[in-house]
Amino acid sequence: MQTVSNERGTVIVFVTLVIVFLLIMVGLGLDTGQLTYTRNQGQAAVDAAALAAVSALPSWDAAQVEKRAAGFNTTNTYVESGTNKIGSANVSYIEYDFDSNQIVNYSSNIATANGVRVALEGGTSITTPVFLTPLLNLFGISAAGTADVNVSAVAVIQSKPAIPIALWSSVCPNPDGKIEERQIKFQHPTKSGQGENSCWTTFLDCSSGASDIKALFQVSRTCSGHPIDGEIDIGTYICQNRGQVNSSLKEAADFFTKEAPDFPNRWWLVPVIGGGGNCDPQNPTKIVNWAKIRPKEFNDQGSPKWIRADVVCGEKLNREDIKTSLCFSHKLVREEKKGY
């Protein structure tokens, strides 16, 4: 007698395993998509919060920084945004080195910081449901029903120069950070070799004249209509200008003594250019250093005209420069040490 094997039970087992496998794959897909969505939504929120917060850093008021960080809470749409809002607990201060493009201190305070970090992590991380958990529990595998997603963003602030004065390197032979009194002497439009040591500058606009020089002083006061498109730093070639010395100097005197009455004895960031000898508007010259000036007296008689000022050479576009301008640029930076 021939024996016939019954394989129907095997098929049922196989189909069951395939269904379970498909459910696991679907669950993994749903969880991966949900986690990615949650992270993206949260990242957009902390990016915006960090950029808003760092814009208040020059106020040296932590309450203002935290208020701006929380400014988008009403429009945020990340998971738990209604109950897990960005607040003071999510804000911290960092120090960023623009030379190495690295965060060098995560434990700074507002008095020494040049950047703000906003993070939803740890106790304030974003909690999202895990869809695979019910299936795992069905098979007796204990699994958490939620997952924590950490997101953070760091924004840094840097002065954006606008004062239209460029010192020759002869003014700063020793960029040692010491305060020294100097006469900033401007070249006459039709004369040279009169002991001048500085030029007016219109930065990247080589076709400008006295009206543009004077307009830059107003830009420095209001930071509206800033003409510099792109970053300006050591190595950047900028345009010099003799300008109409009398009118330009009068505008400078009005700015430093009248237009900026809320900032007595304020320091202002200016570039130091290499070479010297001729303020040729068609011959851009490289920035070799930064200095800050504190104008004290103005002389529009004779040639050259001059501004007597305290000068500190060897400034860096890092932390202290925030106090030497009213115009700033902001950007997000990577957190390489944290793997972000």
C-alpha atoms as a PDB file:
ATOM      1  CA  MET A   1       0.000   0.000   0.000  1.00  0.00           C
ATOM      2  CA  GLN A   2       1.352   3.474  -1.035  1.00  0.00           C
ATOM      3  CA  THR A   3       1.597   6.173   1.678  1.00  0.00           C
ATOM      4  CA  VAL A   4       0.611   9.728   0.655  1.00  0.00           C
ATOM      5  CA  SER A   5       2.180  12.504   2.757  1.00  0.00           C
ATOM      6  CA  ASN A   6      -0.039  15.435   3.758  1.00  0.00           C
ATOM      7  CA  GLU A   7       1.895  18.726   3.392  1.00  0.00           C
ATOM      8  CA  ARG A   8      -1.037  21.070   3.999  1.00  0.00           C
ATOM      9  CA  GLY A   9       0.140  21.851   7.558  1.00  0.00           C
ATOM     10  CA  THR A  10       3.535  22.859   6.244  1.00  0.00           C
ATOM     11  CA  VAL A  11       1.964  25.341   3.858  1.00  0.00           C
ATOM     12  CA  ILE A  12      -0.013  26.927   6.679  1.00  0.00           C
ATOM     13  CA  VAL A  13       3.142  27.347   8.747  1.00  0.00           C
ATOM     14  CA  PHE A  14       4.982  28.834   5.772  1.00  0.00           C
ATOM     15  CA  VAL A  15       2.174  31.282   4.988  1.00  0.00           C
ATOM     16  CA  THR A  16       2.022  32.317   8.655  1.00  0.00           C
ATOM     17  CA  LEU A  17       5.752  33.005   8.727  1.00  0.00           C
ATOM     18  CA  VAL A  18       5.516  35.039   5.535  1.00  0.00           C
ATOM     19  CA  ILE A  19       2.662  37.121   6.988  1.00  0.00           C
ATOM     20  CA  VAL A  20       4.609  37.729  10.192  1.00  0.00           C
ATOM     21  CA  PHE A  21       7.674  38.704   8.156  1.00  0.00           C
ATOM     22  CA  LEU A  22       5.605  41.094   6.062  1.00  0.00           C
ATOM     23  CA  LEU A  23       4.077  42.638   9.180  1.00  0.00           C
ATOM     24  CA  ILE A  24       7.544  43.156  10.637  1.00  0.00           C
ATOM     25  CA  MET A  25       8.733  44.776   7.419  1.00  0.00           C
ATOM     26  CA  VAL A  26       5.693  47.040   7.328  1.00  0.00           C
ATOM     27  CA  GLY A  27       6.224  47.933  10.991  1.00  0.00           C
ATOM     28  CA  LEU A  28       9.886  48.722  10.395  1.00  0.00           C
ATOM     29  CA  GLY A  29       8.953  50.854   7.414  1.00  0.00           C
ATOM     30  CA  LEU A  30       6.339  52.745   9.389  1.00  0.00           C
ATOM     31  CA  ASP A  31       8.703  53.265  12.315  1.00  0.00           C
ATOM     32  CA  THR A  32      11.552  54.420  10.075  1.00  0.00           C
ATOM     33  CA  GLY A  33       9.276  56.848   8.293  1.00  0.00           C
ATOM     34  CA  GLN A  34       7.816  58.160  11.536  1.00  0.00           C
ATOM     35  CA  LEU A  35      11.227  58.642  13.142  1.00  0.00           C
ATOM     36  CA  THR A  36      12.542  60.427  10.030  1.00  0.00           C
ATOM     37  CA  TYR A  37       9.473  62.644   9.890  1.00  0.00           C
ATOM     38  CA  THR A  38       9.732  63.425  13.602  1.00  0.00           C
ATOM     39  CA  ARG A  39      13.440  64.246  13.343  1.00  0.00           C
ATOM     40  CA  ASN A  40      12.966  66.474  10.298  1.00  0.00           C
ATOM     41  CA  GLN A  41      10.120  68.411  11.878  1.00  0.00           C
ATOM     42  CA  GLY A  42      12.028  68.824  15.143  1.00  0.00           C
ATOM     43  CA  GLN A  43      15.234  69.821  13.349  1.00  0.00           C
ATOM     44  CA  ALA A  44      13.454  72.587  11.454  1.00  0.00           C
ATOM     45  CA  ALA A  45      12.071  73.893  14.748  1.00  0.00           C
ATOM     46  CA  VAL A  46      15.426  74.039  16.572  1.00  0.00           C
ATOM     47  CA  ASP A  47      17.160  75.506  13.489  1.00  0.00           C
ATOM     48  CA  ALA A  48      14.701  78.395  13.416  1.00  0.00           C
ATOM     49  CA  ALA A  49      14.863  78.816  17.191  1.00  0.00           C
ATOM     50  CA  ALA A  50      18.683  78.941  17.242  1.00  0.00           C
ATOM     51  CA  LEU A  51      18.865  81.531  14.443  1.00  0.00           C
ATOM     52  CA  ALA A  52      16.242  83.671  16.167  1.00  0.00           C
ATOM     53  CA  ALA A  53      17.918  83.335  19.572  1.00  0.00           C
ATOM     54  CA  VAL A  54      21.426  84.242  18.415  1.00  0.00           C
ATOM     55  CA  SER A  55      20.138  87.479  16.898  1.00  0.00           C
ATOM     56  CA  ALA A  56      19.490  88.675  20.464  1.00  0.00           C
ATOM     57  CA  LEU A  57      22.972  87.792  21.731  1.00  0.00           C
ATOM     58  CA  PRO A  58      24.366  91.364  21.367  1.00  0.00           C
ATOM     59  CA  SER A  59      21.745  92.506  23.890  1.00  0.00           C
ATOM     60  CA  TRP A  60      23.552  90.479  26.606  1.00  0.00           C
ATOM     61  CA  ASP A  61      20.085  89.757  27.982  1.00  0.00           C
ATOM     62  CA  ALA A  62      19.369  86.050  28.523  1.00  0.00           C
ATOM     63  CA  ALA A  63      15.647  86.721  28.767  1.00  0.00           C
ATOM     64  CA  GLN A  64      15.663  88.237  25.270  1.00  0.00           C
ATOM     65  CA  VAL A  65      17.632  85.297  23.862  1.00  0.00           C
ATOM     66  CA  GLU A  66      15.225  82.780  25.400  1.00  0.00           C
ATOM     67  CA  LYS A  67      12.188  84.767  24.287  1.00  0.00           C
ATOM     68  CA  ARG A  68      13.338  84.702  20.673  1.00  0.00           C
ATOM     69  CA  ALA A  69      14.142  80.991  20.890  1.00  0.00           C
ATOM     70  CA  ALA A  70      10.535  80.391  21.922  1.00  0.00           C
ATOM     71  CA  GLY A  71       9.125  82.773  19.335  1.00  0.00           C
ATOM     72  CA  PHE A  72       8.000  80.035  16.930  1.00  0.00           C
ATOM     73  CA  ASN A  73       6.292  77.831  19.521  1.00  0.00           C
ATOM     74  CA  THR A  74       2.833  78.789  18.305  1.00  0.00           C
ATOM     75  CA  THR A  75       3.600  77.699  14.735  1.00  0.00           C
ATOM     76  CA  ASN A  76       5.803  74.638  15.375  1.00  0.00           C
ATOM     77  CA  THR A  77       4.250  71.370  14.204  1.00  0.00           C
ATOM     78  CA  TYR A  78       6.694  68.703  15.406  1.00  0.00           C
ATOM     79  CA  VAL A  79       5.376  65.775  17.425  1.00  0.00           C
ATOM     80  CA  GLU A  80       4.464  66.948  20.958  1.00  0.00           C
ATOM     81  CA  SER A  81       4.974  70.592  19.956  1.00  0.00           C
ATOM     82  CA  GLY A  82       1.852  71.489  21.892  1.00  0.00           C
ATOM     83  CA  THR A  83       3.144  70.030  25.157  1.00  0.00           C
ATOM     84  CA  ASN A  84       6.923  69.948  24.718  1.00  0.00           C
ATOM     85  CA  LYS A  85       7.662  73.559  23.820  1.00  0.00           C
ATOM     86  CA  ILE A  86      11.056  75.175  23.378  1.00  0.00           C
ATOM     87  CA  GLY A  87      11.949  77.220  26.451  1.00  0.00           C
ATOM     88  CA  SER A  88      14.842  78.344  28.619  1.00  0.00           C
ATOM     89  CA  ALA A  89      15.759  74.743  29.490  1.00  0.00           C
ATOM     90  CA  ASN A  90      16.489  74.113  25.819  1.00  0.00           C
ATOM     91  CA  VAL A  91      18.842  77.087  25.387  1.00  0.00           C
ATOM     92  CA  SER A  92      22.571  77.076  26.145  1.00  0.00           C
ATOM     93  CA  TYR A  93      25.557  79.182  25.076  1.00  0.00           C
ATOM     94  CA  ILE A  94      28.672  78.145  23.161  1.00  0.00           C
ATOM     95  CA  GLU A  95      31.952  79.630  21.968  1.00  0.00           C
ATOM     96  CA  TYR A  96      32.836  79.113  18.329  1.00  0.00           C
ATOM     97  CA  ASP A  97      36.272  79.581  16.783  1.00  0.00           C
ATOM     98  CA  PHE A  98      35.918  80.962  13.258  1.00  0.00           C
ATOM     99  CA  ASP A  99      39.553  80.180  12.445  1.00  0.00           C
ATOM    100  CA  SER A 100      39.178  76.425  12.986  1.00  0.00           C
ATOM    101  CA  ASN A 101      35.411  76.329  12.367  1.00  0.00           C
ATOM    102  CA  GLN A 102      34.938  74.408  15.600  1.00  0.00           C
ATOM    103  CA  ILE A 103      32.838  74.760  18.733  1.00  0.00           C
ATOM    104  CA  VAL A 104      35.467  75.119  21.446  1.00  0.00           C
ATOM    105  CA  ASN A 105      33.287  75.482  24.530  1.00  0.00           C
ATOM    106  CA  TYR A 106      29.853  74.000  25.194  1.00  0.00           C
ATOM    107  CA  SER A 107      29.686  75.433  28.716  1.00  0.00           C
ATOM    108  CA  SER A 108      29.874  79.135  27.992  1.00  0.00           C
ATOM    109  CA  ASN A 109      27.674  81.840  29.430  1.00  0.00           C
ATOM    110  CA  ILE A 110      26.083  84.813  27.740  1.00  0.00           C
ATOM    111  CA  ALA A 111      28.975  87.095  28.701  1.00  0.00           C
ATOM    112  CA  THR A 112      31.538  85.054  26.742  1.00  0.00           C
ATOM    113  CA  ALA A 113      29.425  83.351  24.067  1.00  0.00           C
ATOM    114  CA  ASN A 114      29.234  84.004  20.353  1.00  0.00           C
ATOM    115  CA  GLY A 115      26.703  81.290  19.649  1.00  0.00           C
ATOM    116  CA  VAL A 116      23.468  79.781  20.946  1.00  0.00           C
ATOM    117  CA  ARG A 117      22.521  76.108  21.067  1.00  0.00           C
ATOM    118  CA  VAL A 118      18.876  75.040  21.106  1.00  0.00           C
ATOM    119  CA  ALA A 119      18.230  71.353  21.780  1.00  0.00           C
ATOM    120  CA  LEU A 120      15.310  69.021  22.297  1.00  0.00           C
ATOM    121  CA  GLU A 121      17.162  66.154  23.940  1.00  0.00           C
ATOM    122  CA  GLY A 122      17.433  64.231  27.182  1.00  0.00           C
ATOM    123  CA  GLY A 123      14.458  65.070  29.352  1.00  0.00           C
ATOM    124  CA  THR A 124      12.958  67.253  26.637  1.00  0.00           C
ATOM    125  CA  SER A 125      13.541  64.933  23.662  1.00  0.00           C
ATOM    126  CA  ILE A 126      10.666  64.392  21.235  1.00  0.00           C
ATOM    127  CA  THR A 127       8.712  61.229  22.055  1.00  0.00           C
ATOM    128  CA  THR A 128       7.085  59.446  19.134  1.00  0.00           C
ATOM    129  CA  PRO A 129       5.041  56.184  19.007  1.00  0.00           C
ATOM    130  CA  VAL A 130       6.621  52.966  17.721  1.00  0.00           C
ATOM    131  CA  PHE A 131       4.263  50.985  15.466  1.00  0.00           C
ATOM    132  CA  LEU A 132       6.198  47.702  15.664  1.00  0.00           C
ATOM    133  CA  THR A 133       5.704  47.414  19.432  1.00  0.00           C
ATOM    134  CA  PRO A 134       2.166  45.887  19.403  1.00  0.00           C
ATOM    135  CA  LEU A 135       3.332  43.110  17.087  1.00  0.00           C
ATOM    136  CA  LEU A 136       6.356  42.351  19.226  1.00  0.00           C
ATOM    137  CA  ASN A 137       4.203  42.298  22.338  1.00  0.00           C
ATOM    138  CA  LEU A 138       1.851  39.851  20.577  1.00  0.00           C
ATOM    139  CA  PHE A 139       4.738  37.421  20.312  1.00  0.00           C
ATOM    140  CA  GLY A 140       5.695  37.934  23.926  1.00  0.00           C
ATOM    141  CA  ILE A 141       8.619  40.243  23.201  1.00  0.00           C
ATOM    142  CA  SER A 142       8.697  43.194  25.568  1.00  0.00           C
ATOM    143  CA  ALA A 143       9.300  46.467  23.720  1.00  0.00           C
ATOM    144  CA  ALA A 144       8.800  50.146  24.477  1.00  0.00           C
ATOM    145  CA  GLY A 145       5.795  51.759  22.849  1.00  0.00           C
ATOM    146  CA  THR A 146       7.652  55.002  22.142  1.00  0.00           C
ATOM    147  CA  ALA A 147      11.060  56.210  20.978  1.00  0.00           C
ATOM    148  CA  ASP A 148      12.937  59.379  21.938  1.00  0.00           C
ATOM    149  CA  VAL A 149      14.282  61.590  19.157  1.00  0.00           C
ATOM    150  CA  ASN A 150      17.034  64.120  19.945  1.00  0.00           C
ATOM    151  CA  VAL A 151      17.571  67.202  17.790  1.00  0.00           C
ATOM    152  CA  SER A 152      19.763  70.262  18.264  1.00  0.00           C
ATOM    153  CA  ALA A 153      21.014  73.290  16.370  1.00  0.00           C
ATOM    154  CA  VAL A 154      23.827  75.799  16.936  1.00  0.00           C
ATOM    155  CA  ALA A 155      23.778  79.281  15.441  1.00  0.00           C
ATOM    156  CA  VAL A 156      26.710  81.682  15.691  1.00  0.00           C
ATOM    157  CA  ILE A 157      26.945  85.440  15.272  1.00  0.00           C
ATOM    158  CA  GLN A 158      29.669  87.488  13.630  1.00  0.00           C
ATOM    159  CA  SER A 159      30.130  91.202  13.074  1.00  0.00           C
ATOM    160  CA  LYS A 160      29.507  92.448   9.569  1.00  0.00           C
ATOM    161  CA  PRO A 161      31.796  95.424   8.921  1.00  0.00           C
ATOM    162  CA  ALA A 162      30.169  98.558   7.541  1.00  0.00           C
ATOM    163  CA  ILE A 163      32.272 101.502   8.783  1.00  0.00           C
ATOM    164  CA  PRO A 164      33.837 102.753   5.495  1.00  0.00           C
ATOM    165  CA  ILE A 165      37.352 103.236   6.861  1.00  0.00           C
ATOM    166  CA  ALA A 166      40.340 101.035   6.007  1.00  0.00           C
ATOM    167  CA  LEU A 167      43.630 101.439   7.859  1.00  0.00           C
ATOM    168  CA  TRP A 168      46.924 100.823   6.116  1.00  0.00           C
ATOM    169  CA  SER A 169      49.068  98.137   7.677  1.00  0.00           C
ATOM    170  CA  SER A 170      51.536 100.860   8.694  1.00  0.00           C
ATOM    171  CA  VAL A 171      48.998 101.919  11.338  1.00  0.00           C
ATOM    172  CA  CYS A 172      49.121  98.417  12.796  1.00  0.00           C
ATOM    173  CA  PRO A 173      52.731  97.242  12.571  1.00  0.00           C
ATOM    174  CA  ASN A 174      52.317  95.245  15.784  1.00  0.00           C
ATOM    175  CA  PRO A 175      48.847  93.691  16.068  1.00  0.00           C
ATOM    176  CA  ASP A 176      49.281  92.998  19.770  1.00  0.00           C
ATOM    177  CA  GLY A 177      45.821  94.032  21.028  1.00  0.00           C
ATOM    178  CA  LYS A 178      47.090  97.095  22.902  1.00  0.00           C
ATOM    179  CA  ILE A 179      45.270 100.428  22.894  1.00  0.00           C
ATOM    180  CA  GLU A 180      47.311 103.093  21.117  1.00  0.00           C
ATOM    181  CA  GLU A 181      46.298 106.576  20.026  1.00  0.00           C
ATOM    182  CA  ARG A 182      46.675 107.251  16.306  1.00  0.00           C
ATOM    183  CA  GLN A 183      45.839 109.913  13.766  1.00  0.00           C
ATOM    184  CA  ILE A 184      43.900 108.248  10.979  1.00  0.00           C
ATOM    185  CA  LYS A 185      44.988 110.368   8.018  1.00  0.00           C
ATOM    186  CA  PHE A 186      43.010 110.242   4.763  1.00  0.00           C
ATOM    187  CA  GLN A 187      44.423 110.761   1.314  1.00  0.00           C
ATOM    188  CA  HIS A 188      43.302 113.897  -0.519  1.00  0.00           C
ATOM    189  CA  PRO A 189      41.464 113.274  -3.830  1.00  0.00           C
ATOM    190  CA  THR A 190      44.229 114.990  -5.832  1.00  0.00           C
ATOM    191  CA  LYS A 191      47.235 114.699  -3.537  1.00  0.00           C
ATOM    192  CA  SER A 192      49.370 111.969  -2.027  1.00  0.00           C
ATOM    193  CA  GLY A 193      52.530 111.729   0.006  1.00  0.00           C
ATOM    194  CA  GLN A 194      51.138 113.938   2.764  1.00  0.00           C
ATOM    195  CA  GLY A 195      51.612 111.375   5.548  1.00  0.00           C
ATOM    196  CA  GLU A 196      48.262 109.651   4.944  1.00  0.00           C
ATOM    197  CA  ASN A 197      47.825 106.172   6.357  1.00  0.00           C
ATOM    198  CA  SER A 198      44.200 105.282   5.626  1.00  0.00           C
ATOM    199  CA  CYS A 199      41.583 105.173   2.903  1.00  0.00           C
ATOM    200  CA  TRP A 200      37.859 105.346   2.718  1.00  0.00           C
ATOM    201  CA  THR A 201      36.506 101.976   1.603  1.00  0.00           C
ATOM    202  CA  THR A 202      33.331 100.870  -0.088  1.00  0.00           C
ATOM    203  CA  PHE A 203      34.312  97.225   0.394  1.00  0.00           C
ATOM    204  CA  LEU A 204      33.234  95.261  -2.704  1.00  0.00           C
ATOM    205  CA  ASP A 205      31.897  98.181  -4.761  1.00  0.00           C
ATOM    206  CA  CYS A 206      34.748  99.671  -6.784  1.00  0.00           C
ATOM    207  CA  SER A 207      32.527 102.031  -8.787  1.00  0.00           C
ATOM    208  CA  SER A 208      31.260 104.072  -5.862  1.00  0.00           C
ATOM    209  CA  GLY A 209      32.074 107.600  -4.762  1.00  0.00           C
ATOM    210  CA  ALA A 210      31.603 109.994  -1.879  1.00  0.00           C
ATOM    211  CA  SER A 211      27.842 109.479  -1.716  1.00  0.00           C
ATOM    212  CA  ASP A 212      28.353 105.743  -1.191  1.00  0.00           C
ATOM    213  CA  ILE A 213      30.961 106.352   1.492  1.00  0.00           C
ATOM    214  CA  LYS A 214      28.564 108.598   3.353  1.00  0.00           C
ATOM    215  CA  ALA A 215      25.700 106.141   2.888  1.00  0.00           C
ATOM    216  CA  LEU A 216      27.760 103.420   4.573  1.00  0.00           C
ATOM    217  CA  PHE A 217      27.814 105.440   7.790  1.00  0.00           C
ATOM    218  CA  GLN A 218      24.024 105.389   7.789  1.00  0.00           C
ATOM    219  CA  VAL A 219      24.061 101.674   7.049  1.00  0.00           C
ATOM    220  CA  SER A 220      26.320 101.224  10.066  1.00  0.00           C
ATOM    221  CA  ARG A 221      23.717 102.968  12.200  1.00  0.00           C
ATOM    222  CA  THR A 222      20.617 101.160  10.943  1.00  0.00           C
ATOM    223  CA  CYS A 223      22.043  98.026   9.269  1.00  0.00           C
ATOM    224  CA  SER A 224      19.486  98.390   6.488  1.00  0.00           C
ATOM    225  CA  GLY A 225      20.472  98.061   2.853  1.00  0.00           C
ATOM    226  CA  HIS A 226      23.893  96.633   3.671  1.00  0.00           C
ATOM    227  CA  PRO A 227      25.907  96.589   0.428  1.00  0.00           C
ATOM    228  CA  ILE A 228      28.214  93.690   1.248  1.00  0.00           C
ATOM    229  CA  ASP A 229      27.011  90.570  -0.523  1.00  0.00           C
ATOM    230  CA  GLY A 230      28.926  87.641   0.938  1.00  0.00           C
ATOM    231  CA  GLU A 231      31.445  87.231   3.712  1.00  0.00           C
ATOM    232  CA  ILE A 232      34.291  89.667   4.318  1.00  0.00           C
ATOM    233  CA  ASP A 233      37.346  88.352   6.126  1.00  0.00           C
ATOM    234  CA  ILE A 234      41.135  88.314   6.083  1.00  0.00           C
ATOM    235  CA  GLY A 235      42.216  87.675   2.507  1.00  0.00           C
ATOM    236  CA  THR A 236      39.231  89.447   0.943  1.00  0.00           C
ATOM    237  CA  TYR A 237      40.123  92.149  -1.581  1.00  0.00           C
ATOM    238  CA  ILE A 238      38.253  95.397  -0.915  1.00  0.00           C
ATOM    239  CA  CYS A 239      38.025  98.671  -2.813  1.00  0.00           C
ATOM    240  CA  GLN A 240      39.581 101.909  -1.590  1.00  0.00           C
ATOM    241  CA  ASN A 241      38.394 105.396  -2.333  1.00  0.00           C
ATOM    242  CA  ARG A 242      39.840 108.858  -1.887  1.00  0.00           C
ATOM    243  CA  GLY A 243      36.347 110.311  -1.982  1.00  0.00           C
ATOM    244  CA  GLN A 244      35.605 113.946  -1.293  1.00  0.00           C
ATOM    245  CA  VAL A 245      37.518 114.184   1.932  1.00  0.00           C
ATOM    246  CA  ASN A 246      35.708 117.176   3.429  1.00  0.00           C
ATOM    247  CA  SER A 247      32.197 115.841   2.937  1.00  0.00           C
ATOM    248  CA  SER A 248      33.147 112.280   3.877  1.00  0.00           C
ATOM    249  CA  LEU A 249      34.922 113.408   7.015  1.00  0.00           C
ATOM    250  CA  LYS A 250      31.973 115.608   7.996  1.00  0.00           C
ATOM    251  CA  GLU A 251      29.675 112.610   7.616  1.00  0.00           C
ATOM    252  CA  ALA A 252      32.027 110.565   9.765  1.00  0.00           C
ATOM    253  CA  ALA A 253      32.127 113.262  12.452  1.00  0.00           C
ATOM    254  CA  ASP A 254      28.343 113.542  12.433  1.00  0.00           C
ATOM    255  CA  PHE A 255      28.020 109.770  12.708  1.00  0.00           C
ATOM    256  CA  PHE A 256      30.469 109.257  15.530  1.00  0.00           C
ATOM    257  CA  THR A 257      29.280 112.272  17.553  1.00  0.00           C
ATOM    258  CA  LYS A 258      25.638 112.873  16.547  1.00  0.00           C
ATOM    259  CA  GLU A 259      24.184 109.949  14.616  1.00  0.00           C
ATOM    260  CA  ALA A 260      25.153 107.458  17.296  1.00  0.00           C
ATOM    261  CA  PRO A 261      24.377 109.289  20.542  1.00  0.00           C
ATOM    262  CA  ASP A 262      23.322 106.064  22.242  1.00  0.00           C
ATOM    263  CA  PHE A 263      26.821 104.650  21.945  1.00  0.00           C
ATOM    264  CA  PRO A 264      29.288 107.029  23.592  1.00  0.00           C
ATOM    265  CA  ASN A 265      32.922 105.954  23.450  1.00  0.00           C
ATOM    266  CA  ARG A 266      31.974 102.944  21.348  1.00  0.00           C
ATOM    267  CA  TRP A 267      34.557 100.879  19.490  1.00  0.00           C
ATOM    268  CA  TRP A 268      34.011 100.159  15.783  1.00  0.00           C
ATOM    269  CA  LEU A 269      35.416  97.329  13.666  1.00  0.00           C
ATOM    270  CA  VAL A 270      37.455  98.330  10.579  1.00  0.00           C
ATOM    271  CA  PRO A 271      39.656  96.376   8.142  1.00  0.00           C
ATOM    272  CA  VAL A 272      43.424  96.716   7.888  1.00  0.00           C
ATOM    273  CA  ILE A 273      44.702  96.498   4.322  1.00  0.00           C
ATOM    274  CA  GLY A 274      48.147  95.597   3.044  1.00  0.00           C
ATOM    275  CA  GLY A 275      50.319  97.856   0.963  1.00  0.00           C
ATOM    276  CA  GLY A 276      49.413 101.504   1.159  1.00  0.00           C
ATOM    277  CA  GLY A 277      50.588 104.596  -0.619  1.00  0.00           C
ATOM    278  CA  ASN A 278      47.660 105.140  -2.915  1.00  0.00           C
ATOM    279  CA  CYS A 279      43.923 104.801  -2.354  1.00  0.00           C
ATOM    280  CA  ASP A 280      43.216 103.655  -5.889  1.00  0.00           C
ATOM    281  CA  PRO A 281      39.500 102.854  -6.324  1.00  0.00           C
ATOM    282  CA  GLN A 282      40.268 100.514  -9.230  1.00  0.00           C
ATOM    283  CA  ASN A 283      42.910  98.512  -7.364  1.00  0.00           C
ATOM    284  CA  PRO A 284      41.287  96.346  -4.664  1.00  0.00           C
ATOM    285  CA  THR A 285      43.625  95.541  -1.794  1.00  0.00           C
ATOM    286  CA  LYS A 286      43.626  92.514   0.477  1.00  0.00           C
ATOM    287  CA  ILE A 287      42.497  92.657   4.100  1.00  0.00           C
ATOM    288  CA  VAL A 288      45.424  91.495   6.233  1.00  0.00           C
ATOM    289  CA  ASN A 289      44.000  92.119   9.678  1.00  0.00           C
ATOM    290  CA  TRP A 290      41.185  93.693  11.673  1.00  0.00           C
ATOM    291  CA  ALA A 291      41.317  96.604  14.082  1.00  0.00           C
ATOM    292  CA  LYS A 292      38.880  98.505  16.203  1.00  0.00           C
ATOM    293  CA  ILE A 293      38.815 102.277  16.526  1.00  0.00           C
ATOM    294  CA  ARG A 294      37.323 104.689  19.051  1.00  0.00           C
ATOM    295  CA  PRO A 295      37.192 108.170  17.418  1.00  0.00           C
ATOM    296  CA  LYS A 296      37.887 111.141  19.666  1.00  0.00           C
ATOM    297  CA  GLU A 297      38.640 114.192  17.488  1.00  0.00           C
ATOM    298  CA  PHE A 298      38.112 115.282  13.871  1.00  0.00           C
ATOM    299  CA  ASN A 299      40.217 117.718  11.827  1.00  0.00           C
ATOM    300  CA  ASP A 300      38.974 118.877   8.426  1.00  0.00           C
ATOM    301  CA  GLN A 301      41.672 121.543   7.928  1.00  0.00           C
ATOM    302  CA  GLY A 302      44.786 121.164   5.796  1.00  0.00           C
ATOM    303  CA  SER A 303      45.927 118.012   4.035  1.00  0.00           C
ATOM    304  CA  PRO A 304      45.618 115.287   5.019  1.00  0.00           C
ATOM    305  CA  LYS A 305      42.436 115.488   7.058  1.00  0.00           C
ATOM    306  CA  TRP A 306      42.400 113.166  10.035  1.00  0.00           C
ATOM    307  CA  ILE A 307      40.508 111.481  12.842  1.00  0.00           C
ATOM    308  CA  ARG A 308      42.284 111.098  16.158  1.00  0.00           C
ATOM    309  CA  ALA A 309      41.270 107.769  17.667  1.00  0.00           C
ATOM    310  CA  ASP A 310      42.240 105.018  20.020  1.00  0.00           C
ATOM    311  CA  VAL A 311      43.198 102.001  17.918  1.00  0.00           C
ATOM    312  CA  VAL A 312      43.499  98.331  18.839  1.00  0.00           C
ATOM    313  CA  CYS A 313      45.131  96.135  16.190  1.00  0.00           C
ATOM    314  CA  GLY A 314      44.831  92.378  15.884  1.00  0.00           C
ATOM    315  CA  GLU A 315      41.081  91.986  16.346  1.00  0.00           C
ATOM    316  CA  LYS A 316      39.435  88.710  15.363  1.00  0.00           C
ATOM    317  CA  LEU A 317      35.990  88.072  13.961  1.00  0.00           C
ATOM    318  CA  ASN A 318      35.211  85.897  16.931  1.00  0.00           C
ATOM    319  CA  ARG A 319      33.700  86.978  20.223  1.00  0.00           C
ATOM    320  CA  GLU A 320      34.821  90.499  21.095  1.00  0.00           C
ATOM    321  CA  ASP A 321      33.949  91.818  17.648  1.00  0.00           C
ATOM    322  CA  ILE A 322      30.258  91.587  18.562  1.00  0.00           C
ATOM    323  CA  LYS A 323      30.811  94.737  20.623  1.00  0.00           C
ATOM    324  CA  THR A 324      32.358  96.633  17.699  1.00  0.00           C
ATOM    325  CA  SER A 325      29.471  96.726  15.264  1.00  0.00           C
ATOM    326  CA  LEU A 326      25.728  97.108  15.026  1.00  0.00           C
ATOM    327  CA  CYS A 327      25.494  94.856  11.948  1.00  0.00           C
ATOM    328  CA  PHE A 328      25.794  91.091  12.158  1.00  0.00           C
ATOM    329  CA  SER A 329      25.553  87.916  10.142  1.00  0.00           C
ATOM    330  CA  HIS A 330      24.218  84.665  11.551  1.00  0.00           C
ATOM    331  CA  LYS A 331      24.631  81.089  10.430  1.00  0.00           C
ATOM    332  CA  LEU A 332      24.081  77.528  11.564  1.00  0.00           C
ATOM    333  CA  VAL A 333      27.187  75.408  12.220  1.00  0.00           C
ATOM    334  CA  ARG A 334      27.758  71.675  12.527  1.00  0.00           C
ATOM    335  CA  GLU A 335      28.281  69.936  15.841  1.00  0.00           C
ATOM    336  CA  GLU A 336      30.979  67.539  14.759  1.00  0.00           C
ATOM    337  CA  LYS A 337      31.992  66.577  18.300  1.00  0.00           C
ATOM    338  CA  LYS A 338      28.451  65.405  18.969  1.00  0.00           C
ATOM    339  CA  GLY A 339      28.082  63.754  15.589  1.00  0.00           C
ATOM    340  CA  TYR A 340      25.534  66.286  14.327  1.00  0.00           C
END
